[in-house]
N, C-alpha and C. Protein backbone atom coordinates (compact mmCIF):
# COMPACT_ATOMS: atom_id res chain seq x y z
N UNK A 1 0.94 -1.32 -0.02
CA UNK A 1 -0.12 0.15 0.36
C UNK A 1 0.60 1.27 0.22
N UNK A 2 0.73 2.39 -0.68
CA UNK A 2 1.26 3.27 -0.75
C UNK A 2 1.47 4.61 0.26
N UNK A 3 1.89 5.18 0.64
CA UNK A 3 1.91 5.97 1.33
C UNK A 3 2.16 7.59 0.82
N UNK A 4 0.45 8.56 1.16
CA UNK A 4 0.31 9.77 0.95
C UNK A 4 1.21 10.44 1.70
N UNK A 5 1.65 11.67 0.84
CA UNK A 5 2.97 12.14 1.61
C UNK A 5 2.62 13.45 1.36
N UNK A 6 2.29 14.37 2.78
CA UNK A 6 2.19 15.68 2.71
C UNK A 6 3.63 16.54 2.70
N UNK A 7 3.18 16.95 1.39
CA UNK A 7 4.74 17.63 0.75
C UNK A 7 5.18 18.43 2.01
N UNK A 8 4.67 19.30 3.04
CA UNK A 8 5.10 20.16 3.74
C UNK A 8 5.27 19.30 5.40
N UNK A 9 5.31 18.39 5.28
CA UNK A 9 5.65 16.83 7.08
C UNK A 9 6.62 16.39 6.46
N UNK A 10 7.71 16.81 7.07
CA UNK A 10 8.68 15.88 7.97
C UNK A 10 8.54 14.65 8.23
N UNK A 11 7.88 13.49 7.49
CA UNK A 11 8.04 11.84 7.44
C UNK A 11 9.20 11.16 7.93
N UNK A 12 10.35 11.76 7.86
CA UNK A 12 11.22 10.41 7.58
C UNK A 12 11.29 9.77 5.99
N UNK A 13 11.32 8.16 6.26
CA UNK A 13 11.25 7.35 5.31
C UNK A 13 9.75 7.32 5.02
N UNK A 14 9.66 7.72 3.50
CA UNK A 14 8.55 7.24 2.59
C UNK A 14 8.51 6.67 1.63
N UNK A 15 7.54 6.27 0.78
CA UNK A 15 7.33 5.45 -0.04
C UNK A 15 6.05 5.91 -1.32
N UNK A 16 6.80 6.92 -2.53
CA UNK A 16 5.21 6.99 -3.27
C UNK A 16 5.03 5.98 -4.55
N UNK A 17 4.02 5.73 -4.85
CA UNK A 17 3.71 4.39 -5.76
C UNK A 17 3.79 5.60 -7.39
N UNK A 18 3.98 5.47 -8.82
CA UNK A 18 4.01 6.02 -9.86
C UNK A 18 2.86 6.83 -9.57
N UNK A 19 2.81 8.17 -10.09
CA UNK A 19 2.09 8.85 -10.50
C UNK A 19 1.60 10.20 -8.96
N UNK A 20 2.11 9.62 -8.04
CA UNK A 20 1.76 9.91 -6.96
C UNK A 20 3.35 11.16 -6.45
N UNK A 21 2.86 12.64 -5.42
CA UNK A 21 3.53 13.21 -5.79
C UNK A 21 2.84 14.54 -5.93
N UNK A 22 3.26 15.56 -5.25
CA UNK A 22 2.57 17.08 -5.23
C UNK A 22 2.85 17.06 -6.67
N UNK A 23 1.63 17.29 -7.90
CA UNK A 23 1.34 17.53 -9.25
C UNK A 23 1.45 19.54 -9.44
N UNK A 24 2.44 19.98 -10.18
CA UNK A 24 2.29 21.30 -10.68
C UNK A 24 2.50 21.51 -11.94
N UNK A 25 2.00 22.32 -12.88
CA UNK A 25 2.28 23.11 -13.83
C UNK A 25 2.82 24.39 -14.07
N UNK A 26 3.92 24.35 -15.27
CA UNK A 26 4.61 25.33 -15.08
C UNK A 26 4.61 25.62 -16.93
N UNK A 27 3.30 26.30 -17.43
CA UNK A 27 3.12 26.50 -18.81
C UNK A 27 2.73 24.99 -19.10
N UNK A 28 3.03 24.27 -20.27
CA UNK A 28 2.78 23.39 -20.54
C UNK A 28 4.07 22.06 -20.16
N UNK A 29 4.85 22.51 -18.59
CA UNK A 29 5.32 21.97 -18.49
C UNK A 29 4.75 21.20 -17.11
N UNK A 30 4.90 19.41 -16.87
CA UNK A 30 4.37 18.99 -15.81
C UNK A 30 5.05 18.83 -14.72
N UNK A 31 4.85 19.06 -13.62
CA UNK A 31 6.37 18.99 -12.49
C UNK A 31 5.54 18.13 -11.46
N UNK A 32 6.12 17.36 -10.91
CA UNK A 32 5.50 16.79 -9.96
C UNK A 32 7.21 16.02 -8.78
N UNK A 33 6.57 16.99 -7.75
CA UNK A 33 7.73 17.14 -6.27
C UNK A 33 7.49 15.72 -5.98
N UNK A 34 8.25 15.07 -6.07
CA UNK A 34 8.80 13.24 -5.76
C UNK A 34 9.01 13.61 -4.03
N UNK A 35 10.28 14.35 -3.88
CA UNK A 35 11.00 14.99 -2.70
C UNK A 35 11.05 16.39 -2.30
N UNK A 36 10.70 16.46 -1.36
CA UNK A 36 11.03 18.06 -0.89
C UNK A 36 11.71 18.47 0.18
N UNK A 37 12.08 19.64 0.65
CA UNK A 37 12.75 19.75 1.90
C UNK A 37 12.17 19.05 3.35
N UNK A 38 10.81 19.47 2.81
CA UNK A 38 9.95 19.15 3.75
C UNK A 38 9.64 17.37 4.45
N UNK A 39 9.83 16.89 3.18
CA UNK A 39 9.92 15.22 3.13
C UNK A 39 11.39 14.59 3.42
N UNK A 40 12.44 15.26 3.36
CA UNK A 40 13.69 14.58 3.38
C UNK A 40 14.56 15.43 4.50
N UNK A 41 13.93 16.07 5.36
CA UNK A 41 14.64 16.69 6.66
C UNK A 41 15.77 18.25 6.31
N UNK A 42 14.97 18.42 4.89
CA UNK A 42 16.46 19.56 4.42
C UNK A 42 17.17 19.00 3.67
N UNK A 43 17.61 17.79 3.33
CA UNK A 43 18.83 17.51 2.49
C UNK A 43 18.77 17.66 1.38
N UNK A 44 17.47 17.22 0.62
CA UNK A 44 17.21 17.44 -1.05
C UNK A 44 16.01 17.78 -1.09
N UNK A 45 15.47 18.11 -3.07
CA UNK A 45 14.17 18.21 -3.56
C UNK A 45 15.06 17.45 -4.83
N UNK A 46 13.91 16.39 -5.66
CA UNK A 46 13.63 15.59 -6.47
C UNK A 46 12.30 15.94 -6.69
N UNK A 47 12.66 16.51 -8.43
CA UNK A 47 11.50 16.86 -9.25
C UNK A 47 11.75 16.11 -10.58
N UNK A 48 10.32 15.27 -10.99
CA UNK A 48 10.23 14.91 -11.67
C UNK A 48 9.39 15.82 -13.23
N UNK A 49 9.94 15.85 -14.07
CA UNK A 49 9.21 16.73 -15.20
C UNK A 49 9.09 15.98 -16.52
N UNK A 50 8.02 16.71 -17.00
CA UNK A 50 7.44 16.48 -18.40
C UNK A 50 7.34 17.82 -19.14
N UNK A 51 8.11 17.74 -19.81
CA UNK A 51 8.00 19.47 -20.98
C UNK A 51 8.04 18.90 -22.36
N UNK A 52 7.49 19.80 -22.99
CA UNK A 52 6.91 19.58 -24.44
C UNK A 52 7.87 20.52 -25.43
N UNK A 53 8.18 20.00 -26.70
CA UNK A 53 9.21 20.62 -27.77
C UNK A 53 9.25 22.19 -27.55
N UNK A 54 10.29 22.93 -27.39
CA UNK A 54 10.26 24.09 -27.57
C UNK A 54 10.44 24.79 -25.87
N UNK A 55 10.19 24.11 -25.50
CA UNK A 55 10.24 24.46 -23.69
C UNK A 55 11.74 24.95 -23.61
N UNK A 56 11.97 26.06 -22.88
CA UNK A 56 13.29 26.35 -22.66
C UNK A 56 13.18 26.76 -21.32
N UNK A 57 14.13 26.41 -20.99
CA UNK A 57 14.90 26.96 -19.31
C UNK A 57 16.44 27.88 -20.38
N UNK A 58 15.88 29.36 -19.76
CA UNK A 58 16.99 30.18 -20.73
C UNK A 58 18.17 30.01 -19.41
N UNK A 59 19.25 30.44 -19.74
CA UNK A 59 20.46 30.51 -19.64
C UNK A 59 20.61 31.62 -17.66
N UNK A 60 20.87 30.66 -17.43
CA UNK A 60 20.52 31.50 -15.64
C UNK A 60 21.88 30.63 -14.49
N UNK A 61 21.32 31.24 -13.52
CA UNK A 61 22.62 30.44 -12.50
C UNK A 61 22.00 30.93 -11.13
N UNK A 62 22.70 30.17 -10.07
CA UNK A 62 22.00 30.50 -8.61
C UNK A 62 23.33 29.82 -7.29
N UNK A 63 23.40 31.19 -7.14
CA UNK A 63 25.16 31.02 -6.49
C UNK A 63 25.08 30.33 -5.67
N UNK A 64 24.07 29.84 -4.66
CA UNK A 64 24.56 29.20 -3.43
C UNK A 64 23.62 27.70 -3.77
N UNK A 65 22.94 27.44 -4.92
CA UNK A 65 22.09 26.21 -4.96
C UNK A 65 22.84 24.74 -6.14
N UNK A 66 22.69 23.49 -5.75
CA UNK A 66 23.56 22.82 -6.86
C UNK A 66 22.05 22.44 -6.84
N UNK A 67 22.30 21.54 -8.85
CA UNK A 67 21.33 21.26 -9.33
C UNK A 67 21.83 20.08 -10.17
N UNK A 68 20.91 19.55 -10.12
CA UNK A 68 21.64 17.92 -11.96
C UNK A 68 20.59 17.30 -12.39
N UNK A 69 20.67 17.15 -13.48
CA UNK A 69 19.75 16.71 -14.22
C UNK A 69 19.85 15.35 -15.21
N UNK A 70 19.02 14.64 -14.83
CA UNK A 70 19.63 13.02 -15.03
C UNK A 70 18.02 12.94 -16.65
N UNK A 71 18.32 12.54 -17.73
CA UNK A 71 17.25 12.82 -19.20
C UNK A 71 16.74 11.23 -18.84
N UNK A 72 15.01 10.78 -18.19
CA UNK A 72 14.56 9.61 -18.24
C UNK A 72 14.27 9.52 -20.23
N UNK A 73 13.50 9.97 -20.59
CA UNK A 73 13.41 9.97 -22.38
C UNK A 73 13.28 11.40 -22.77
N UNK A 74 13.16 10.98 -23.78
CA UNK A 74 13.26 11.99 -25.00
C UNK A 74 14.63 12.96 -25.01
N UNK A 75 14.61 13.86 -25.69
CA UNK A 75 16.44 14.86 -26.38
C UNK A 75 15.89 16.03 -25.41
N UNK A 76 17.00 16.88 -25.21
CA UNK A 76 17.36 18.40 -25.06
C UNK A 76 18.64 18.89 -25.08
N UNK A 77 18.72 20.01 -25.79
CA UNK A 77 20.03 20.52 -25.78
C UNK A 77 20.39 20.86 -24.90
N UNK A 78 21.86 21.07 -24.15
CA UNK A 78 21.99 21.84 -22.49
C UNK A 78 23.53 22.12 -22.69
N UNK A 79 22.99 23.87 -21.49
CA UNK A 79 24.51 24.46 -22.16
C UNK A 79 24.90 24.56 -21.32
N UNK A 80 25.96 24.81 -21.02
CA UNK A 80 26.70 24.50 -18.91
C UNK A 80 28.24 25.42 -19.07
N UNK A 81 27.86 26.42 -19.26
CA UNK A 81 29.18 27.12 -18.94
C UNK A 81 29.86 27.44 -20.39
N UNK A 82 31.37 27.27 -20.29
CA UNK A 82 31.39 28.04 -21.67
C UNK A 82 31.95 26.40 -22.78
N UNK A 83 31.04 25.40 -22.23
CA UNK A 83 30.94 24.16 -23.04
C UNK A 83 30.28 24.14 -24.29
N UNK A 84 30.46 23.53 -25.27
CA UNK A 84 29.58 23.34 -26.86
C UNK A 84 27.87 22.98 -26.02
N UNK A 85 27.08 23.31 -26.61
CA UNK A 85 25.98 23.12 -26.62
C UNK A 85 26.25 21.20 -26.41
N UNK A 86 25.27 20.56 -25.71
CA UNK A 86 25.28 19.10 -25.22
C UNK A 86 23.88 18.57 -25.91
N UNK A 87 24.16 17.55 -26.27
CA UNK A 87 22.40 16.81 -26.62
C UNK A 87 22.37 15.85 -25.69
N UNK A 88 21.56 15.66 -24.94
CA UNK A 88 21.30 15.02 -23.56
C UNK A 88 19.62 13.91 -24.37
N UNK A 89 19.81 12.29 -24.39
CA UNK A 89 19.14 11.35 -24.63
C UNK A 89 18.88 10.54 -23.01
N UNK A 90 18.16 10.48 -23.33
CA UNK A 90 18.26 8.66 -21.67
C UNK A 90 19.13 8.55 -21.44
N UNK A 91 19.77 8.88 -20.04
CA UNK A 91 20.64 8.02 -18.72
C UNK A 91 21.72 9.32 -19.41
N UNK A 92 21.74 10.47 -20.06
CA UNK A 92 21.94 11.45 -20.00
C UNK A 92 22.08 12.21 -18.51
N UNK A 93 23.49 13.06 -18.21
CA UNK A 93 23.63 13.53 -16.73
C UNK A 93 24.36 14.55 -17.12
N UNK A 94 23.63 15.85 -15.85
CA UNK A 94 24.14 17.22 -16.15
C UNK A 94 24.50 17.51 -14.70
N UNK A 95 25.51 17.97 -14.14
CA UNK A 95 26.06 18.63 -13.07
C UNK A 95 26.08 20.08 -13.15
N UNK A 96 25.38 21.03 -12.46
CA UNK A 96 25.48 22.54 -12.77
C UNK A 96 25.90 22.57 -11.20
N UNK A 97 26.66 22.85 -10.57
CA UNK A 97 27.73 23.62 -9.69
C UNK A 97 26.94 24.70 -8.84
N UNK A 98 27.06 25.49 -8.02
CA UNK A 98 26.62 26.74 -7.52
C UNK A 98 27.36 27.58 -8.72
N UNK A 99 26.43 28.64 -8.96
CA UNK A 99 26.96 29.45 -10.11
C UNK A 99 27.53 29.40 -11.24
N UNK A 100 27.38 27.91 -11.53
CA UNK A 100 27.80 27.52 -13.25
C UNK A 100 26.68 28.43 -13.75
N UNK A 101 27.21 29.42 -15.07
CA UNK A 101 25.77 28.99 -15.72
C UNK A 101 25.13 28.23 -16.45
N UNK A 102 23.69 27.79 -17.15
CA UNK A 102 23.76 26.61 -17.62
C UNK A 102 21.51 27.33 -17.97
N UNK A 103 21.51 26.29 -19.19
CA UNK A 103 19.78 26.20 -19.29
C UNK A 103 19.82 24.96 -20.19
N UNK A 104 18.55 24.84 -20.82
CA UNK A 104 18.34 23.41 -21.60
C UNK A 104 16.87 24.21 -22.65
N UNK A 105 17.06 23.46 -23.33
CA UNK A 105 15.52 23.41 -24.36
C UNK A 105 15.38 21.79 -24.52
N UNK A 106 13.93 21.90 -25.07
CA UNK A 106 13.30 20.55 -25.01
C UNK A 106 13.52 20.09 -26.62
N UNK A 107 14.33 19.24 -27.09
CA UNK A 107 13.83 18.77 -29.00
C UNK A 107 13.54 17.77 -29.37
N UNK A 108 12.58 17.00 -28.58
CA UNK A 108 12.05 15.89 -28.57
C UNK A 108 10.42 16.10 -28.42
N UNK A 109 9.87 14.99 -29.13
CA UNK A 109 8.35 15.76 -29.11
C UNK A 109 7.76 16.43 -27.48
N UNK A 110 8.12 15.31 -26.52
CA UNK A 110 8.11 15.17 -25.15
C UNK A 110 9.54 14.92 -24.49
N UNK A 111 9.49 15.41 -23.65
CA UNK A 111 11.24 14.99 -22.81
C UNK A 111 10.89 14.67 -21.08
N UNK A 112 11.05 13.78 -20.28
CA UNK A 112 10.88 13.56 -18.90
C UNK A 112 12.37 13.31 -18.34
N UNK A 113 12.16 14.13 -17.86
CA UNK A 113 13.86 14.52 -16.73
C UNK A 113 13.57 14.49 -15.25
N UNK A 114 14.22 14.23 -14.18
CA UNK A 114 14.53 14.20 -12.72
C UNK A 114 15.71 15.36 -12.80
N UNK A 115 15.27 16.21 -11.66
CA UNK A 115 16.00 17.21 -11.51
C UNK A 115 15.69 17.32 -10.16
N UNK A 116 17.47 17.23 -9.33
CA UNK A 116 18.20 16.76 -7.86
C UNK A 116 18.62 18.31 -7.63
N UNK A 117 17.80 18.97 -6.33
CA UNK A 117 18.77 20.02 -6.19
C UNK A 117 18.04 20.25 -4.64
N UNK A 118 18.73 21.41 -4.28
CA UNK A 118 18.54 21.58 -2.98
C UNK A 118 17.28 22.32 -2.36
N UNK A 119 16.55 21.99 -1.13
CA UNK A 119 15.11 22.17 -1.23
C UNK A 119 14.92 23.91 -1.17
N UNK A 120 15.92 24.39 -1.14
CA UNK A 120 16.25 26.15 -1.29
C UNK A 120 15.27 25.98 -3.00
N UNK A 121 16.09 25.70 -3.49
CA UNK A 121 16.06 25.52 -5.16
C UNK A 121 14.73 24.79 -5.28
N UNK A 122 14.35 24.17 -4.73
CA UNK A 122 13.01 23.10 -5.55
C UNK A 122 11.65 24.12 -5.01
N UNK A 123 11.83 25.46 -3.77
CA UNK A 123 10.99 25.92 -3.25
C UNK A 123 10.77 26.89 -4.48
N UNK A 124 11.45 27.47 -5.01
CA UNK A 124 12.12 28.15 -6.77
C UNK A 124 10.88 27.51 -7.70
N UNK A 125 11.78 26.21 -7.68
CA UNK A 125 10.31 25.58 -8.82
C UNK A 125 8.88 26.06 -8.51
N UNK A 126 8.53 25.78 -7.10
CA UNK A 126 7.02 25.90 -6.66
C UNK A 126 6.54 26.89 -6.81
N UNK A 127 7.56 27.77 -6.64
CA UNK A 127 6.84 29.57 -6.77
C UNK A 127 6.60 29.58 -8.29
N UNK A 128 7.09 29.18 -9.00
CA UNK A 128 7.18 29.22 -10.77
C UNK A 128 5.79 28.30 -11.15
N UNK A 129 5.16 28.00 -10.70
CA UNK A 129 4.20 26.57 -11.09
C UNK A 129 2.84 27.27 -10.18
N UNK A 130 2.35 26.60 -11.00
CA UNK A 130 0.69 26.44 -10.63
C UNK A 130 0.17 24.99 -9.87
N UNK A 131 -0.63 25.03 -8.77
CA UNK A 131 -0.84 23.49 -8.19
C UNK A 131 -1.95 22.93 -9.51
N UNK A 132 -1.83 21.61 -9.37
CA UNK A 132 -2.85 21.28 -10.51
C UNK A 132 -4.28 20.81 -10.02
N UNK A 133 -5.23 21.67 -10.78
CA UNK A 133 -6.28 21.88 -10.47
C UNK A 133 -6.48 23.71 -10.04
N UNK A 134 -5.51 24.32 -10.15
CA UNK A 134 -5.74 25.50 -9.44
C UNK A 134 -6.37 26.74 -10.43
N UNK A 135 -5.96 26.20 -11.77
CA UNK A 135 -5.98 26.76 -13.10
C UNK A 135 -7.06 25.89 -13.78
N UNK A 136 -7.87 26.41 -14.69
CA UNK A 136 -8.94 25.77 -15.73
C UNK A 136 -7.70 25.50 -16.99
N UNK A 137 -6.72 26.04 -17.06
CA UNK A 137 -5.56 25.83 -18.44
C UNK A 137 -4.31 25.01 -17.63
N UNK A 138 -4.02 24.29 -17.84
CA UNK A 138 -2.73 24.37 -17.19
C UNK A 138 -1.39 24.41 -17.91
N UNK A 139 -1.98 24.31 -19.12
CA UNK A 139 -0.74 24.91 -19.81
C UNK A 139 -0.61 25.85 -20.10
N UNK A 140 -1.51 27.20 -19.38
CA UNK A 140 -1.03 28.41 -19.53
C UNK A 140 0.23 28.91 -19.01
N UNK A 141 0.46 29.67 -19.96
CA UNK A 141 2.05 30.31 -19.32
C UNK A 141 2.00 30.88 -17.95
N UNK A 142 3.25 30.88 -17.49
CA UNK A 142 3.29 31.57 -15.93
C UNK A 142 3.73 33.04 -16.36
N UNK A 143 2.64 33.51 -15.73
CA UNK A 143 2.99 35.19 -15.63
C UNK A 143 4.48 35.73 -15.38
N UNK A 144 5.11 36.66 -16.67
CA UNK A 144 6.73 37.27 -16.21
C UNK A 144 6.75 37.95 -14.58
N UNK A 145 5.75 38.12 -14.25
CA UNK A 145 6.14 38.75 -13.04
C UNK A 145 6.13 38.19 -11.82
N UNK A 146 5.15 37.01 -11.94
CA UNK A 146 5.37 35.44 -10.98
C UNK A 146 7.40 35.27 -11.20
N UNK A 147 7.47 35.12 -12.44
CA UNK A 147 8.82 34.44 -12.48
C UNK A 147 9.90 35.85 -11.69
N UNK A 148 9.48 36.88 -12.38
CA UNK A 148 10.77 37.37 -11.48
C UNK A 148 10.83 37.28 -9.57
N UNK A 149 9.54 37.36 -9.76
CA UNK A 149 9.50 37.48 -7.86
C UNK A 149 9.89 36.93 -7.74
N UNK A 150 9.81 35.06 -8.05
CA UNK A 150 10.71 34.53 -7.66
C UNK A 150 11.85 33.83 -7.49
N UNK A 151 12.55 34.50 -8.66
CA UNK A 151 13.74 35.05 -9.21
C UNK A 151 14.59 35.61 -8.09
N UNK A 152 13.64 36.56 -7.78
CA UNK A 152 14.37 37.81 -6.58
C UNK A 152 14.65 37.16 -5.45
N UNK A 153 13.09 36.09 -5.11
CA UNK A 153 13.13 35.52 -3.96
C UNK A 153 13.92 34.14 -3.13
N UNK A 154 14.26 33.60 -4.71
CA UNK A 154 15.10 32.18 -4.12
C UNK A 154 16.81 32.61 -5.21
N UNK A 155 17.06 33.72 -5.43
CA UNK A 155 18.43 33.92 -5.75
C UNK A 155 19.02 33.29 -7.17
N UNK A 156 17.69 33.66 -8.03
CA UNK A 156 18.19 32.87 -9.72
C UNK A 156 18.52 34.21 -10.31
N UNK A 157 19.42 34.26 -11.13
CA UNK A 157 20.10 34.93 -12.31
C UNK A 157 19.70 34.55 -12.67
N UNK A 158 19.01 35.59 -13.97
CA UNK A 158 18.61 35.38 -15.46
C UNK A 158 20.03 35.54 -16.25
N UNK A 159 20.88 34.86 -17.46
CA UNK A 159 21.89 35.30 -17.58
C UNK A 159 21.19 36.13 -19.03
N UNK A 160 20.24 35.22 -19.93
CA UNK A 160 19.85 35.66 -21.45
C UNK A 160 19.22 34.69 -21.77
N UNK A 161 18.71 34.62 -23.14
CA UNK A 161 18.05 33.70 -23.56
C UNK A 161 18.88 32.33 -24.16
N UNK A 162 18.41 30.90 -24.17
CA UNK A 162 19.03 30.48 -25.00
C UNK A 162 19.19 30.56 -26.24
N UNK A 163 20.10 30.07 -26.32
CA UNK A 163 20.95 30.55 -28.58
C UNK A 163 20.06 29.91 -28.64
N UNK A 164 19.53 30.71 -30.23
CA UNK A 164 18.53 30.66 -31.04
C UNK A 164 17.45 30.68 -30.73
N UNK A 165 17.23 31.23 -29.13
CA UNK A 165 15.41 31.89 -29.07
C UNK A 165 15.43 32.81 -28.59
N UNK A 166 14.25 33.49 -28.61
CA UNK A 166 13.99 35.25 -28.45
C UNK A 166 13.19 34.76 -27.00
N UNK A 167 13.81 33.50 -26.26
CA UNK A 167 12.89 33.74 -24.85
C UNK A 167 14.25 34.50 -23.89
N UNK A 168 13.59 35.35 -23.09
CA UNK A 168 14.19 35.93 -22.00
C UNK A 168 14.60 35.43 -20.85
């Protein structure tokens, strides 16, 4: 039997069945929180995202937070610091150290990936998404003001658009 997890409660050990966890949306990206600072005693956050072709995470950095990306399915273009753009397919892994400039774009019809990060940066993801059922159109974009407020609140600095895109 699966254990339902209150994402704001420290529970110690827990188990989630497939499809469980807090579901949120950020535009056409589905974000499922599998672990948060609250459920891991402040140790880490783990987020499972599914995004559509063309979805972009602009170039940005966060000085204090680590983040790692593991591709489950699909294809992403990933930029990290001064390295050439990398094609990331199922099984690819990228570690973004604190302060490292990074971003990515979904190249396949859909892509699914895991984000492993600090609880602080996990809360940034919550701040730039809407709870499932919070809006009639889960694919509605998140407003620029919401994103910029979250950037200020969670120390995320946008550097510029992902190369080849017009997205700021």
